[in-house]
Each structure stands twice: as C-alpha cells, then as structure tokens.
C-alpha atoms as a PDB file:
ATOM      1  CA  MET A   1     242.727 146.710 163.462  1.00  0.00           C
ATOM      2  CA  ILE A   2     243.974 146.979 159.870  1.00  0.00           C
ATOM      3  CA  LYS A   3     243.096 143.692 158.167  1.00  0.00           C
ATOM      4  CA  ILE A   4     245.278 142.910 155.146  1.00  0.00           C
ATOM      5  CA  LEU A   5     244.815 140.212 152.512  1.00  0.00           C
ATOM      6  CA  LEU A   6     248.127 139.222 150.905  1.00  0.00           C
ATOM      7  CA  VAL A   7     247.912 137.150 147.716  1.00  0.00           C
ATOM      8  CA  ASP A   8     251.242 135.695 146.587  1.00  0.00           C
ATOM      9  CA  ASP A   9     252.020 132.290 145.072  1.00  0.00           C
ATOM     10  CA  HIS A  10     255.496 132.277 146.616  1.00  0.00           C
ATOM     11  CA  PRO A  11     254.980 130.999 150.205  1.00  0.00           C
ATOM     12  CA  ALA A  12     258.371 132.182 151.474  1.00  0.00           C
ATOM     13  CA  VAL A  13     257.733 135.729 150.251  1.00  0.00           C
ATOM     14  CA  GLY A  14     254.262 135.734 151.750  1.00  0.00           C
ATOM     15  CA  GLU A  15     255.411 134.502 155.161  1.00  0.00           C
ATOM     16  CA  GLY A  16     258.316 136.950 155.233  1.00  0.00           C
ATOM     17  CA  SER A  17     256.040 139.857 154.375  1.00  0.00           C
ATOM     18  CA  LYS A  18     253.512 138.774 157.006  1.00  0.00           C
ATOM     19  CA  LEU A  19     256.213 138.750 159.675  1.00  0.00           C
ATOM     20  CA  MET A  20     257.367 142.260 158.704  1.00  0.00           C
ATOM     21  CA  ILE A  21     253.875 143.717 158.615  1.00  0.00           C
ATOM     22  CA  GLU A  22     252.615 142.126 161.838  1.00  0.00           C
ATOM     23  CA  LYS A  23     255.358 143.792 163.838  1.00  0.00           C
ATOM     24  CA  GLU A  24     252.845 146.640 163.742  1.00  0.00           C
ATOM     25  CA  GLU A  25     250.424 146.066 166.613  1.00  0.00           C
ATOM     26  CA  ASP A  26     247.434 147.298 164.629  1.00  0.00           C
ATOM     27  CA  MET A  27     247.983 145.132 161.537  1.00  0.00           C
ATOM     28  CA  LYS A  28     246.842 141.571 160.858  1.00  0.00           C
ATOM     29  CA  VAL A  29     247.720 139.687 157.649  1.00  0.00           C
ATOM     30  CA  THR A  30     245.865 136.810 155.991  1.00  0.00           C
ATOM     31  CA  ILE A  31     247.975 135.042 153.342  1.00  0.00           C
ATOM     32  CA  VAL A  32     246.594 133.036 150.436  1.00  0.00           C
ATOM     33  CA  GLU A  33     248.720 131.406 147.753  1.00  0.00           C
ATOM     34  CA  SER A  34     246.340 131.604 144.814  1.00  0.00           C
ATOM     35  CA  PRO A  35     243.870 134.108 143.304  1.00  0.00           C
ATOM     36  CA  GLY A  36     241.150 131.445 143.481  1.00  0.00           C
ATOM     37  CA  MET A  37     241.535 131.119 147.243  1.00  0.00           C
ATOM     38  CA  ALA A  38     241.464 134.905 147.550  1.00  0.00           C
ATOM     39  CA  ILE A  39     238.196 135.127 145.626  1.00  0.00           C
ATOM     40  CA  ASP A  40     236.625 132.469 147.864  1.00  0.00           C
ATOM     41  CA  ILE A  41     237.597 134.405 151.001  1.00  0.00           C
ATOM     42  CA  LEU A  42     236.451 137.733 149.577  1.00  0.00           C
ATOM     43  CA  HIS A  43     232.939 136.452 148.966  1.00  0.00           C
ATOM     44  CA  ASP A  44     232.519 136.262 152.758  1.00  0.00           C
ATOM     45  CA  GLU A  45     235.094 138.571 154.302  1.00  0.00           C
ATOM     46  CA  HIS A  46     236.195 142.192 153.940  1.00  0.00           C
ATOM     47  CA  PHE A  47     239.654 143.644 154.469  1.00  0.00           C
ATOM     48  CA  SER A  48     241.079 147.107 155.074  1.00  0.00           C
ATOM     49  CA  LEU A  49     243.581 146.680 152.233  1.00  0.00           C
ATOM     50  CA  MET A  50     244.680 144.012 149.746  1.00  0.00           C
ATOM     51  CA  LEU A  51     248.220 143.292 148.524  1.00  0.00           C
ATOM     52  CA  PHE A  52     248.331 141.412 145.203  1.00  0.00           C
ATOM     53  CA  ASP A  53     251.368 139.999 143.444  1.00  0.00           C
ATOM     54  CA  LEU A  54     251.452 141.020 139.784  1.00  0.00           C
ATOM     55  CA  ARG A  55     252.408 137.704 138.201  1.00  0.00           C
ATOM     56  CA  MET A  56     250.712 134.568 139.506  1.00  0.00           C
ATOM     57  CA  LYS A  57     249.670 131.259 137.993  1.00  0.00           C
ATOM     58  CA  GLY A  58     246.180 131.146 136.563  1.00  0.00           C
ATOM     59  CA  MET A  59     245.276 134.787 137.172  1.00  0.00           C
ATOM     60  CA  ASN A  60     247.574 137.768 137.548  1.00  0.00           C
ATOM     61  CA  GLY A  61     247.168 140.815 139.740  1.00  0.00           C
ATOM     62  CA  ILE A  62     245.377 142.827 137.059  1.00  0.00           C
ATOM     63  CA  GLU A  63     242.714 140.211 136.450  1.00  0.00           C
ATOM     64  CA  LEU A  64     242.327 139.524 140.173  1.00  0.00           C
ATOM     65  CA  THR A  65     241.790 143.233 140.845  1.00  0.00           C
ATOM     66  CA  LYS A  66     239.114 143.407 138.154  1.00  0.00           C
ATOM     67  CA  HIS A  67     237.381 140.378 139.634  1.00  0.00           C
ATOM     68  CA  VAL A  68     237.325 141.607 143.224  1.00  0.00           C
ATOM     69  CA  ARG A  69     235.940 144.933 142.051  1.00  0.00           C
ATOM     70  CA  SER A  70     233.225 143.087 140.122  1.00  0.00           C
ATOM     71  CA  ILE A  71     232.063 141.331 143.306  1.00  0.00           C
ATOM     72  CA  GLY A  72     231.778 144.602 145.193  1.00  0.00           C
ATOM     73  CA  GLN A  73     235.053 144.682 147.126  1.00  0.00           C
ATOM     74  CA  THR A  74     236.092 148.316 147.451  1.00  0.00           C
ATOM     75  CA  ALA A  75     239.137 148.072 149.734  1.00  0.00           C
ATOM     76  CA  PRO A  76     242.342 149.584 148.300  1.00  0.00           C
ATOM     77  CA  VAL A  77     244.522 147.234 146.250  1.00  0.00           C
ATOM     78  CA  LEU A  78     248.291 147.645 146.169  1.00  0.00           C
ATOM     79  CA  ILE A  79     250.304 145.700 143.616  1.00  0.00           C
ATOM     80  CA  TYR A  80     253.161 144.109 145.566  1.00  0.00           C
ATOM     81  CA  THR A  81     255.737 142.939 143.051  1.00  0.00           C
ATOM     82  CA  GLY A  82     259.363 142.628 142.105  1.00  0.00           C
ATOM     83  CA  HIS A  83     258.603 143.241 138.426  1.00  0.00           C
ATOM     84  CA  GLU A  84     258.513 146.486 136.463  1.00  0.00           C
ATOM     85  CA  VAL A  85     254.956 147.849 136.281  1.00  0.00           C
ATOM     86  CA  GLY A  86     255.543 150.899 134.083  1.00  0.00           C
ATOM     87  CA  PRO A  87     254.378 149.286 130.815  1.00  0.00           C
ATOM     88  CA  TYR A  88     251.141 148.136 132.485  1.00  0.00           C
ATOM     89  CA  PHE A  89     250.448 151.274 134.526  1.00  0.00           C
ATOM     90  CA  ASN A  90     247.344 152.406 132.648  1.00  0.00           C
ATOM     91  CA  THR A  91     245.873 148.901 132.556  1.00  0.00           C
ATOM     92  CA  LEU A  92     246.431 148.524 136.305  1.00  0.00           C
ATOM     93  CA  MET A  93     244.853 151.866 137.109  1.00  0.00           C
ATOM     94  CA  GLU A  94     241.839 151.084 134.932  1.00  0.00           C
ATOM     95  CA  ALA A  95     241.462 147.782 136.802  1.00  0.00           C
ATOM     96  CA  GLY A  96     241.096 149.679 140.084  1.00  0.00           C
ATOM     97  CA  VAL A  97     244.554 149.524 141.659  1.00  0.00           C
ATOM     98  CA  SER A  98     245.343 152.190 144.275  1.00  0.00           C
ATOM     99  CA  GLY A  99     249.110 151.947 144.144  1.00  0.00           C
ATOM    100  CA  PHE A 100     252.298 149.932 143.947  1.00  0.00           C
ATOM    101  CA  ILE A 101     255.003 148.779 146.326  1.00  0.00           C
ATOM    102  CA  SER A 102     258.134 146.825 145.415  1.00  0.00           C
ATOM    103  CA  LYS A 103     259.051 143.607 147.179  1.00  0.00           C
ATOM    104  CA  THR A 104     262.546 145.056 147.505  1.00  0.00           C
ATOM    105  CA  SER A 105     261.268 147.963 149.604  1.00  0.00           C
ATOM    106  CA  SER A 106     262.271 148.277 153.228  1.00  0.00           C
ATOM    107  CA  ARG A 107     259.874 147.325 156.017  1.00  0.00           C
ATOM    108  CA  GLU A 108     259.336 151.013 156.783  1.00  0.00           C
ATOM    109  CA  GLU A 109     258.417 151.737 153.155  1.00  0.00           C
ATOM    110  CA  LEU A 110     256.005 148.787 153.054  1.00  0.00           C
ATOM    111  CA  ILE A 111     254.255 149.855 156.258  1.00  0.00           C
ATOM    112  CA  GLN A 112     254.019 153.455 155.066  1.00  0.00           C
ATOM    113  CA  ALA A 113     252.532 152.320 151.752  1.00  0.00           C
ATOM    114  CA  ILE A 114     249.911 150.261 153.581  1.00  0.00           C
ATOM    115  CA  ARG A 115     248.954 153.152 155.853  1.00  0.00           C
ATOM    116  CA  TYR A 116     248.741 155.539 152.906  1.00  0.00           C
ATOM    117  CA  GLY A 117     246.605 153.057 151.004  1.00  0.00           C
ATOM    118  CA  VAL A 118     244.207 152.592 153.927  1.00  0.00           C
ATOM    119  CA  ASP A 119     243.905 156.383 154.181  1.00  0.00           C
ATOM    120  CA  GLY A 120     242.849 156.550 150.537  1.00  0.00           C
ATOM    121  CA  LYS A 121     246.107 157.992 149.242  1.00  0.00           C
ATOM    122  CA  ALA A 122     247.716 156.865 146.000  1.00  0.00           C
ATOM    123  CA  VAL A 123     250.973 154.981 146.421  1.00  0.00           C
ATOM    124  CA  VAL A 124     253.250 155.489 143.416  1.00  0.00           C
ATOM    125  CA  PRO A 125     257.054 155.310 143.860  1.00  0.00           C
ATOM    126  CA  ALA A 126     259.026 158.230 142.459  1.00  0.00           C
ATOM    127  CA  SER A 127     261.006 155.818 140.280  1.00  0.00           C
ATOM    128  CA  LEU A 128     257.773 154.749 138.569  1.00  0.00           C
ATOM    129  CA  LEU A 129     256.596 158.316 138.119  1.00  0.00           C
ATOM    130  CA  ARG A 130     259.780 159.060 136.206  1.00  0.00           C
ATOM    131  CA  GLN A 131     259.027 156.167 133.854  1.00  0.00           C
ATOM    132  CA  LEU A 132     255.505 157.252 133.050  1.00  0.00           C
ATOM    133  CA  ARG A 133     254.813 159.191 129.918  1.00  0.00           C
ATOM    134  CA  LYS A 134     252.000 161.580 129.228  1.00  0.00           C
ATOM    135  CA  MET A 135     248.645 159.950 128.568  1.00  0.00           C
ATOM    136  CA  GLU A 136     249.012 160.820 124.925  1.00  0.00           C
ATOM    137  CA  VAL A 137     252.172 161.336 122.909  1.00  0.00           C
ATOM    138  CA  ARG A 138     251.931 163.732 120.019  1.00  0.00           C
ATOM    139  CA  ILE A 139     254.684 163.899 117.448  1.00  0.00           C
ATOM    140  CA  GLU A 140     254.978 166.499 114.748  1.00  0.00           C
ATOM    141  CA  GLU A 141     256.963 165.480 111.697  1.00  0.00           C
ATOM    142  CA  THR A 142     257.849 167.988 109.033  1.00  0.00           C
ATOM    143  CA  GLU A 143     258.211 166.594 105.549  1.00  0.00           C
ATOM    144  CA  ILE A 144     259.825 168.687 102.812  1.00  0.00           C
ATOM    145  CA  THR A 145     258.640 168.010  99.289  1.00  0.00           C
ATOM    146  CA  SER A 146     260.014 169.492  96.090  1.00  0.00           C
ATOM    147  CA  SER A 147     257.583 172.375  96.169  1.00  0.00           C
ATOM    148  CA  THR A 148     255.715 172.458  99.480  1.00  0.00           C
ATOM    149  CA  GLU A 149     256.267 171.871 103.175  1.00  0.00           C
ATOM    150  CA  GLU A 150     253.752 169.536 104.753  1.00  0.00           C
ATOM    151  CA  GLN A 151     253.312 169.122 108.483  1.00  0.00           C
ATOM    152  CA  GLN A 152     251.860 165.905 109.835  1.00  0.00           C
ATOM    153  CA  GLU A 153     250.717 165.228 113.413  1.00  0.00           C
ATOM    154  CA  ILE A 154     250.853 161.708 114.772  1.00  0.00           C
ATOM    155  CA  SER A 155     248.751 160.848 117.838  1.00  0.00           C
ATOM    156  CA  ILE A 156     249.643 157.684 119.731  1.00  0.00           C
ATOM    157  CA  ASN A 157     247.490 156.921 122.784  1.00  0.00           C
ATOM    158  CA  SER A 158     248.712 155.218 125.968  1.00  0.00           C
ATOM    159  CA  LYS A 159     247.492 151.716 125.065  1.00  0.00           C
ATOM    160  CA  GLU A 160     249.126 151.913 121.644  1.00  0.00           C
ATOM    161  CA  GLN A 161     252.325 153.037 123.328  1.00  0.00           C
ATOM    162  CA  GLU A 162     252.208 150.032 125.677  1.00  0.00           C
ATOM    163  CA  ILE A 163     251.605 147.689 122.734  1.00  0.00           C
ATOM    164  CA  LEU A 164     254.615 149.145 120.925  1.00  0.00           C
ATOM    165  CA  ILE A 165     256.786 148.502 123.986  1.00  0.00           C
ATOM    166  CA  GLU A 166     255.738 144.858 123.946  1.00  0.00           C
ATOM    167  CA  VAL A 167     256.319 144.624 120.190  1.00  0.00           C
ATOM    168  CA  ALA A 168     259.834 145.979 120.789  1.00  0.00           C
ATOM    169  CA  LYS A 169     260.378 143.112 123.235  1.00  0.00           C
ATOM    170  CA  GLY A 170     259.587 140.672 120.436  1.00  0.00           C
ATOM    171  CA  LYS A 171     256.203 139.587 121.847  1.00  0.00           C
ATOM    172  CA  SER A 172     253.701 137.950 119.506  1.00  0.00           C
ATOM    173  CA  ASN A 173     250.116 139.186 119.125  1.00  0.00           C
ATOM    174  CA  LYS A 174     248.957 136.261 121.269  1.00  0.00           C
ATOM    175  CA  GLU A 175     251.413 137.125 124.051  1.00  0.00           C
ATOM    176  CA  ILE A 176     250.475 140.815 123.962  1.00  0.00           C
ATOM    177  CA  ALA A 177     246.781 139.926 123.998  1.00  0.00           C
ATOM    178  CA  SER A 178     247.239 137.896 127.192  1.00  0.00           C
ATOM    179  CA  LEU A 179     248.841 140.891 128.907  1.00  0.00           C
ATOM    180  CA  PHE A 180     245.968 143.239 128.070  1.00  0.00           C
ATOM    181  CA  TYR A 181     243.152 140.682 128.326  1.00  0.00           C
ATOM    182  CA  ASN A 182     242.192 141.169 124.691  1.00  0.00           C
ATOM    183  CA  SER A 183     241.972 138.737 121.810  1.00  0.00           C
ATOM    184  CA  PRO A 184     244.879 138.425 119.347  1.00  0.00           C
ATOM    185  CA  ARG A 185     242.506 139.798 116.706  1.00  0.00           C
ATOM    186  CA  THR A 186     242.002 142.984 118.771  1.00  0.00           C
ATOM    187  CA  ILE A 187     245.775 143.449 119.041  1.00  0.00           C
ATOM    188  CA  GLU A 188     245.999 142.923 115.283  1.00  0.00           C
ATOM    189  CA  TYR A 189     243.474 145.727 114.759  1.00  0.00           C
ATOM    190  CA  ASN A 190     245.423 147.946 117.176  1.00  0.00           C
ATOM    191  CA  LEU A 191     248.643 147.315 115.273  1.00  0.00           C
ATOM    192  CA  THR A 192     246.937 148.095 111.974  1.00  0.00           C
ATOM    193  CA  ASP A 193     245.917 151.495 113.376  1.00  0.00           C
ATOM    194  CA  ILE A 194     249.428 152.066 114.729  1.00  0.00           C
ATOM    195  CA  PHE A 195     251.004 151.205 111.359  1.00  0.00           C
ATOM    196  CA  LYS A 196     248.697 153.691 109.628  1.00  0.00           C
ATOM    197  CA  LYS A 197     249.564 156.452 112.096  1.00  0.00           C
ATOM    198  CA  LEU A 198     253.286 155.830 111.800  1.00  0.00           C
ATOM    199  CA  GLN A 199     253.078 155.183 108.058  1.00  0.00           C
ATOM    200  CA  VAL A 200     254.958 151.900 108.292  1.00  0.00           C
ATOM    201  CA  LYS A 201     254.288 148.369 107.042  1.00  0.00           C
ATOM    202  CA  THR A 202     256.182 146.114 109.446  1.00  0.00           C
ATOM    203  CA  ARG A 203     256.635 145.646 113.190  1.00  0.00           C
ATOM    204  CA  ALA A 204     260.359 146.365 112.876  1.00  0.00           C
ATOM    205  CA  GLU A 205     259.667 149.671 111.110  1.00  0.00           C
ATOM    206  CA  ALA A 206     257.096 150.608 113.768  1.00  0.00           C
ATOM    207  CA  VAL A 207     259.588 149.960 116.575  1.00  0.00           C
ATOM    208  CA  LEU A 208     262.382 151.859 114.830  1.00  0.00           C
ATOM    209  CA  LYS A 209     260.216 154.888 114.094  1.00  0.00           C
ATOM    210  CA  SER A 210     258.739 154.867 117.609  1.00  0.00           C
ATOM    211  CA  LYS A 211     262.217 154.971 119.110  1.00  0.00           C
ATOM    212  CA  GLN A 212     263.359 157.681 116.725  1.00  0.00           C
ATOM    213  CA  TRP A 213     260.392 159.866 117.673  1.00  0.00           C
ATOM    214  CA  GLY A 214     260.596 159.153 121.395  1.00  0.00           C
ATOM    215  CA  ILE A 215     257.286 157.317 121.591  1.00  0.00           C
ATOM    216  CA  ILE A 216     258.992 154.406 123.323  1.00  0.00           C
ATOM    217  CA  PRO A 217     262.373 154.365 125.087  1.00  0.00           C
ATOM    218  CA  GLU A 218     265.489 153.652 123.041  1.00  0.00           C
ATOM    219  CA  GLU A 219     266.338 150.804 125.417  1.00  0.00           C
ATOM    220  CA  ALA A 220     262.933 149.107 124.977  1.00  0.00           C
ATOM    221  CA  LYS A 221     263.569 145.521 123.921  1.00  0.00           C
END
C-alpha cells in the first residue's frame, strides 16, 4: 500500500485530492490541514510519499520540507500547488523536495507524479523546465573607451537571480527575507553584492539592467 500524507490548509482541496487519489486501490491518503499537525504525525508515522502545499499559514512548504528532513523523514516530498514555483526552484531543491505537481493537473497526471515520486524519480513539469535558467548566468559587457576596449564579465548566481526577480516585483527586503528564510540584513548584503556586480546604485537600476542583459525575464514584475 502506498501511504500518502497530504498537507493542505484548504479542506475542500484536500478532500477532493484524497477522493481522486484513493480511486487507486493501492493508495491511501491521510490529510492534515496544518504543518504543525503534519509534524506531530511524522514523529510517529512514516509514509511512502508526502504532498505539501507551497503556501500555508504559519509554515510554508519549503520550511515544512526542511523540518521533516531534520527529523529523519526521508520519504519523497512533492510540492502540490497552484502557484508558480520557478522563482523558488533552487530553494525548494535545497530543502529536499523531489518534485512538483500542479493542483490544476488531471487525475492521471497526479497519480503518475505520485508513482514516479515513490519510485525515486524526479517530477518536474516541462512547463517549469522551460522557465528555469542555468545555475549561473554570465554576462559579458563590452565597454568602449576613448582609447581602449575593456571587457567585463558579470557573474550572477541563482540566489541573486531569484532575489532580483523579487525586487522586480516590488518586494521589500523584509518580504524577500521571509521567502528565503534569511534575515533582512542578509538580503541587504546580497543586494549590495548584486549592485557592485551590476555597477548600479539603486534597486530600479538593478532591475532595468538585469532585464536588459537577460538575467531576469522582461515580464518580471
């Protein structure tokens, strides 16, 4: 029997998903409506696979994944969400997530994702793969001076790229810090490094230059 723990703070979504999944004779779903309840259960019980919503009150799917890994739970975790996960992909993978499945997916797609996850296969939709950038973006800018030609290489890592996407959305340092589980001061240090690399002085300049150089999408906002 494939035992599944579904953590979702929307009861209707949880019950609907349970009904879809349990049409499979070899699958049994336990639903909990809060990360705290999930942690309590996981101290005493093990599951074949866990489905976590990304955004929940008190603790989101990233933090919950980190916590269950810290208490020795090794079962695959799939993020089951209706939100875009591209900007948080690296953070989710570092937390120990095995894959992603959208709440808008068909029953067949959900069941397939669960079976793949149980078999130890990564579950990443093609639409998400198209969104992902290389782990590191390198930009070469050629500057022409009056007498010499200087070439400058800018290296923006994946976390800096994700921070820039959030800056483009108008998020404050405090809001960005909550997404990455850092302090606002850490985000401030990150932005200082980014500004130096891009040779800019303001957030608006950083966003504009990042879009011009293809570091973040033009539509990022």
